[in-house]
C-alpha atoms as a PDB file:
ATOM      1  CA  MET A   1      94.579  89.448 124.435  1.00  0.00           C
ATOM      2  CA  GLU A   2      94.834  92.288 121.928  1.00  0.00           C
ATOM      3  CA  TYR A   3      95.736  91.494 118.302  1.00  0.00           C
ATOM      4  CA  ILE A   4      96.675  93.733 115.364  1.00  0.00           C
ATOM      5  CA  ASN A   5      96.054  92.861 111.725  1.00  0.00           C
ATOM      6  CA  LYS A   6      99.332  93.442 109.834  1.00  0.00           C
ATOM      7  CA  GLU A   7      97.499  94.350 106.625  1.00  0.00           C
ATOM      8  CA  THR A   8      94.756  96.667 107.879  1.00  0.00           C
ATOM      9  CA  LEU A   9      96.164  97.699 111.291  1.00  0.00           C
ATOM     10  CA  VAL A  10      92.761  96.941 112.828  1.00  0.00           C
ATOM     11  CA  THR A  11      92.962  95.913 116.476  1.00  0.00           C
ATOM     12  CA  ILE A  12      90.739  93.433 118.257  1.00  0.00           C
ATOM     13  CA  GLU A  13      90.585  92.074 121.777  1.00  0.00           C
ATOM     14  CA  THR A  14      89.682  88.405 122.189  1.00  0.00           C
ATOM     15  CA  ASP A  15      90.313  85.386 124.371  1.00  0.00           C
ATOM     16  CA  CYS A  16      90.763  83.240 121.240  1.00  0.00           C
ATOM     17  CA  LYS A  17      94.072  82.698 119.481  1.00  0.00           C
ATOM     18  CA  LEU A  18      94.129  84.391 116.068  1.00  0.00           C
ATOM     19  CA  LEU A  19      96.295  83.376 113.113  1.00  0.00           C
ATOM     20  CA  GLY A  20      97.020  84.620 109.612  1.00  0.00           C
ATOM     21  CA  ASP A  21      97.631  88.361 109.388  1.00  0.00           C
ATOM     22  CA  TRP A  22      96.842  88.792 113.099  1.00  0.00           C
ATOM     23  CA  VAL A  23      99.731  89.212 115.548  1.00  0.00           C
ATOM     24  CA  PRO A  24      99.646  89.900 119.286  1.00  0.00           C
ATOM     25  CA  ALA A  25      99.756  93.668 119.817  1.00  0.00           C
ATOM     26  CA  ALA A  26     102.648  93.302 122.253  1.00  0.00           C
ATOM     27  CA  GLU A  27     104.716  91.647 119.507  1.00  0.00           C
ATOM     28  CA  PHE A  28     103.735  93.988 116.665  1.00  0.00           C
ATOM     29  CA  THR A  29     106.459  96.246 115.319  1.00  0.00           C
ATOM     30  CA  LYS A  30     106.326  98.958 112.681  1.00  0.00           C
ATOM     31  CA  SER A  31     108.539  96.776 110.477  1.00  0.00           C
ATOM     32  CA  GLN A  32     105.658  94.285 110.286  1.00  0.00           C
ATOM     33  CA  GLU A  33     103.262  96.949 109.057  1.00  0.00           C
ATOM     34  CA  GLY A  34     102.232  96.232 105.498  1.00  0.00           C
ATOM     35  CA  GLN A  35     104.127  92.949 105.219  1.00  0.00           C
ATOM     36  CA  ALA A  36     101.001  91.249 104.028  1.00  0.00           C
ATOM     37  CA  ASP A  37     100.413  93.990 101.488  1.00  0.00           C
ATOM     38  CA  ASP A  38     103.746  94.594  99.802  1.00  0.00           C
ATOM     39  CA  SER A  39     101.919  94.364  96.474  1.00  0.00           C
ATOM     40  CA  GLU A  40     104.496  96.292  94.426  1.00  0.00           C
ATOM     41  CA  ASN A  41     106.856  93.341  94.874  1.00  0.00           C
ATOM     42  CA  TRP A  42     104.210  90.801  93.828  1.00  0.00           C
ATOM     43  CA  THR A  43     104.459  88.980  90.516  1.00  0.00           C
ATOM     44  CA  VAL A  44     101.780  89.368  87.845  1.00  0.00           C
ATOM     45  CA  PRO A  45     100.317  85.914  88.672  1.00  0.00           C
ATOM     46  CA  GLU A  46     100.163  86.881  92.374  1.00  0.00           C
ATOM     47  CA  LEU A  47      98.391  90.138  91.508  1.00  0.00           C
ATOM     48  CA  LYS A  48      95.915  88.317  89.279  1.00  0.00           C
ATOM     49  CA  SER A  49      95.253  85.781  92.020  1.00  0.00           C
ATOM     50  CA  LYS A  50      94.515  88.537  94.545  1.00  0.00           C
ATOM     51  CA  LEU A  51      92.243  90.338  92.066  1.00  0.00           C
ATOM     52  CA  ASP A  52      90.424  87.053  91.443  1.00  0.00           C
ATOM     53  CA  GLU A  53      89.905  86.686  95.220  1.00  0.00           C
ATOM     54  CA  LEU A  54      88.395  90.183  95.288  1.00  0.00           C
ATOM     55  CA  GLY A  55      86.175  89.443  92.277  1.00  0.00           C
ATOM     56  CA  VAL A  56      87.810  92.166  90.173  1.00  0.00           C
ATOM     57  CA  GLU A  57      87.740  91.761  86.396  1.00  0.00           C
ATOM     58  CA  TYR A  58      90.849  92.575  84.345  1.00  0.00           C
ATOM     59  CA  SER A  59      92.168  92.028  80.832  1.00  0.00           C
ATOM     60  CA  ASP A  60      94.257  88.912  80.249  1.00  0.00           C
ATOM     61  CA  LYS A  61      96.809  91.231  78.626  1.00  0.00           C
ATOM     62  CA  ALA A  62      96.888  93.705  81.538  1.00  0.00           C
ATOM     63  CA  LYS A  63     100.354  94.903  82.528  1.00  0.00           C
ATOM     64  CA  LYS A  64     101.623  94.881  86.105  1.00  0.00           C
ATOM     65  CA  ALA A  65     101.011  98.634  86.522  1.00  0.00           C
ATOM     66  CA  GLU A  66      97.377  98.208  85.463  1.00  0.00           C
ATOM     67  CA  LEU A  67      96.898  95.300  87.862  1.00  0.00           C
ATOM     68  CA  LEU A  68      98.437  97.291  90.723  1.00  0.00           C
ATOM     69  CA  ALA A  69      96.104 100.214  89.970  1.00  0.00           C
ATOM     70  CA  LEU A  70      93.088  97.895  90.018  1.00  0.00           C
ATOM     71  CA  LEU A  71      94.218  96.358  93.293  1.00  0.00           C
ATOM     72  CA  GLU A  72      94.679  99.776  94.904  1.00  0.00           C
ATOM     73  CA  ALA A  73      91.258 100.919  93.663  1.00  0.00           C
ATOM     74  CA  HIS A  74      89.534  97.882  95.170  1.00  0.00           C
ATOM     75  CA  LYS A  75      91.280  97.865  98.545  1.00  0.00           C
ATOM     76  CA  GLU A  76      89.345 100.860  99.806  1.00  0.00           C
END
């Protein structure tokens, strides 16, 4: 079965059932694209949590715009 990752749009073919950001390709719609990465609607604590997951350092006083910029810079 072919799966698509909603965040990265990477496709993979496997006999195993995948969960998380992976959806069956036959069920994927363009409206699902980027659902997992709608970071502009995230709260500051959510942004900080994601940056922590990525190991990115930031100031405790960083504003949302700064956190978004850091997140964008470290996604690539």
